[in-house]
C-alpha atoms as a PDB file:
ATOM      1  CA  MET A   1     244.674  88.375 104.908  1.00  0.00           C
ATOM      2  CA  MET A   2     247.186  91.330 106.067  1.00  0.00           C
ATOM      3  CA  LYS A   3     244.366  93.858 106.169  1.00  0.00           C
ATOM      4  CA  ALA A   4     242.107  91.235 108.222  1.00  0.00           C
ATOM      5  CA  ASN A   5     244.617  90.914 110.940  1.00  0.00           C
ATOM      6  CA  GLU A   6     245.746  94.997 111.113  1.00  0.00           C
ATOM      7  CA  LEU A   7     241.460  95.434 111.770  1.00  0.00           C
ATOM      8  CA  ALA A   8     241.422  92.620 114.288  1.00  0.00           C
ATOM      9  CA  GLN A   9     244.576  94.073 116.262  1.00  0.00           C
ATOM     10  CA  TYR A  10     243.050  97.917 115.584  1.00  0.00           C
ATOM     11  CA  LEU A  11     239.632  96.515 117.255  1.00  0.00           C
ATOM     12  CA  MET A  12     241.458  94.895 120.191  1.00  0.00           C
ATOM     13  CA  GLY A  13     243.570  98.048 120.935  1.00  0.00           C
ATOM     14  CA  ARG A  14     246.700  96.935 120.382  1.00  0.00           C
ATOM     15  CA  HIS A  15     247.250  99.652 117.669  1.00  0.00           C
ATOM     16  CA  LYS A  16     245.901 103.031 117.741  1.00  0.00           C
ATOM     17  CA  VAL A  17     246.277 103.588 113.894  1.00  0.00           C
ATOM     18  CA  LEU A  18     243.966 101.826 111.087  1.00  0.00           C
ATOM     19  CA  ASP A  19     245.452 102.037 107.494  1.00  0.00           C
ATOM     20  CA  PHE A  20     242.824 101.824 104.602  1.00  0.00           C
ATOM     21  CA  SER A  21     244.937 102.163 101.636  1.00  0.00           C
ATOM     22  CA  ASN A  22     245.186  98.997  99.319  1.00  0.00           C
ATOM     23  CA  PRO A  23     248.417  97.125  99.404  1.00  0.00           C
ATOM     24  CA  SER A  24     250.367  97.437  96.239  1.00  0.00           C
ATOM     25  CA  LEU A  25     250.259  94.159  93.965  1.00  0.00           C
ATOM     26  CA  GLU A  26     252.789  92.885  91.798  1.00  0.00           C
ATOM     27  CA  LEU A  27     252.047  90.636  89.394  1.00  0.00           C
ATOM     28  CA  ARG A  28     254.577  88.715  87.184  1.00  0.00           C
ATOM     29  CA  ARG A  29     254.089  86.545  84.195  1.00  0.00           C
ATOM     30  CA  GLU A  30     256.359  83.254  83.695  1.00  0.00           C
ATOM     31  CA  ASP A  31     255.809  82.856  79.964  1.00  0.00           C
ATOM     32  CA  ASP A  32     257.203  85.692  77.901  1.00  0.00           C
ATOM     33  CA  PHE A  33     256.888  86.110  74.001  1.00  0.00           C
ATOM     34  CA  GLU A  34     260.337  85.045  73.705  1.00  0.00           C
ATOM     35  CA  LEU A  35     260.181  81.659  76.017  1.00  0.00           C
ATOM     36  CA  ARG A  36     256.936  80.785  74.167  1.00  0.00           C
ATOM     37  CA  GLN A  37     258.446  81.225  70.506  1.00  0.00           C
ATOM     38  CA  LYS A  38     261.638  79.093  72.025  1.00  0.00           C
ATOM     39  CA  ILE A  39     258.641  75.978  72.900  1.00  0.00           C
ATOM     40  CA  LEU A  40     257.004  76.427  69.848  1.00  0.00           C
ATOM     41  CA  SER A  41     259.956  76.054  67.475  1.00  0.00           C
ATOM     42  CA  LEU A  42     262.257  73.164  69.442  1.00  0.00           C
ATOM     43  CA  THR A  43     262.333  70.078  67.889  1.00  0.00           C
ATOM     44  CA  GLN A  44     262.322  66.618  69.376  1.00  0.00           C
ATOM     45  CA  SER A  45     265.996  66.152  68.909  1.00  0.00           C
ATOM     46  CA  GLU A  46     266.910  69.269  70.209  1.00  0.00           C
ATOM     47  CA  ALA A  47     264.736  69.065  73.436  1.00  0.00           C
ATOM     48  CA  LYS A  48     266.413  65.483  74.203  1.00  0.00           C
ATOM     49  CA  LYS A  49     270.127  67.314  73.771  1.00  0.00           C
ATOM     50  CA  LEU A  50     268.868  69.819  76.503  1.00  0.00           C
ATOM     51  CA  GLY A  51     267.233  66.553  78.667  1.00  0.00           C
ATOM     52  CA  ILE A  52     263.708  67.613  77.922  1.00  0.00           C
ATOM     53  CA  GLY A  53     261.339  64.232  77.120  1.00  0.00           C
ATOM     54  CA  LYS A  54     258.792  63.648  74.704  1.00  0.00           C
ATOM     55  CA  SER A  55     255.612  64.236  77.237  1.00  0.00           C
ATOM     56  CA  SER A  56     257.513  67.420  78.830  1.00  0.00           C
ATOM     57  CA  LEU A  57     257.821  69.070  75.102  1.00  0.00           C
ATOM     58  CA  HIS A  58     254.540  68.000  74.299  1.00  0.00           C
ATOM     59  CA  TYR A  59     252.644  69.817  77.534  1.00  0.00           C
ATOM     60  CA  LEU A  60     255.155  72.638  77.036  1.00  0.00           C
ATOM     61  CA  ARG A  61     253.950  73.321  73.646  1.00  0.00           C
ATOM     62  CA  LYS A  62     250.164  72.627  74.352  1.00  0.00           C
ATOM     63  CA  HIS A  63     250.328  75.681  77.034  1.00  0.00           C
ATOM     64  CA  ALA A  64     252.494  77.863  74.474  1.00  0.00           C
ATOM     65  CA  ARG A  65     250.249  77.749  72.028  1.00  0.00           C
ATOM     66  CA  SER A  66     247.338  79.252  74.104  1.00  0.00           C
ATOM     67  CA  ASP A  67     246.791  82.610  75.412  1.00  0.00           C
ATOM     68  CA  LYS A  68     246.624  81.673  79.017  1.00  0.00           C
ATOM     69  CA  PRO A  69     249.636  82.405  81.164  1.00  0.00           C
ATOM     70  CA  PHE A  70     251.346  79.384  82.497  1.00  0.00           C
ATOM     71  CA  LYS A  71     254.561  78.055  84.374  1.00  0.00           C
ATOM     72  CA  VAL A  72     257.538  76.392  83.141  1.00  0.00           C
ATOM     73  CA  TYR A  73     259.344  74.034  86.225  1.00  0.00           C
ATOM     74  CA  GLY A  74     262.511  75.641  86.969  1.00  0.00           C
ATOM     75  CA  LYS A  75     264.996  72.953  85.678  1.00  0.00           C
ATOM     76  CA  VAL A  76     263.265  73.050  82.237  1.00  0.00           C
ATOM     77  CA  ARG A  77     263.217  76.728  82.040  1.00  0.00           C
ATOM     78  CA  GLY A  78     266.954  77.135  83.086  1.00  0.00           C
ATOM     79  CA  ARG A  79     267.908  74.540  80.168  1.00  0.00           C
ATOM     80  CA  LEU A  80     265.458  76.578  78.002  1.00  0.00           C
ATOM     81  CA  VAL A  81     266.599  79.855  78.558  1.00  0.00           C
ATOM     82  CA  GLU A  82     270.421  79.342  79.701  1.00  0.00           C
ATOM     83  CA  ASN A  83     271.545  76.708  76.682  1.00  0.00           C
ATOM     84  CA  ARG A  84     271.400  78.110  73.120  1.00  0.00           C
ATOM     85  CA  ILE A  85     270.981  75.815  70.403  1.00  0.00           C
END
């Protein structure tokens, strides 16, 4: 999108130079190996102590078993990472 805007400004004469370099991309994964293992090893009673409900734990386990990347809601992630049982 930024490159399209730069091209439009160049064609309209607002910029004298057109930069054809590719923007650098930074890809981050939120689901590292340690977090997946923590989710899979978490029991229902431990999850309850952390304030994680049954359905949330079910879906976290489901996503942790797959090879696809997934996101963890910020509050739940904080509970999993900060609180060690």
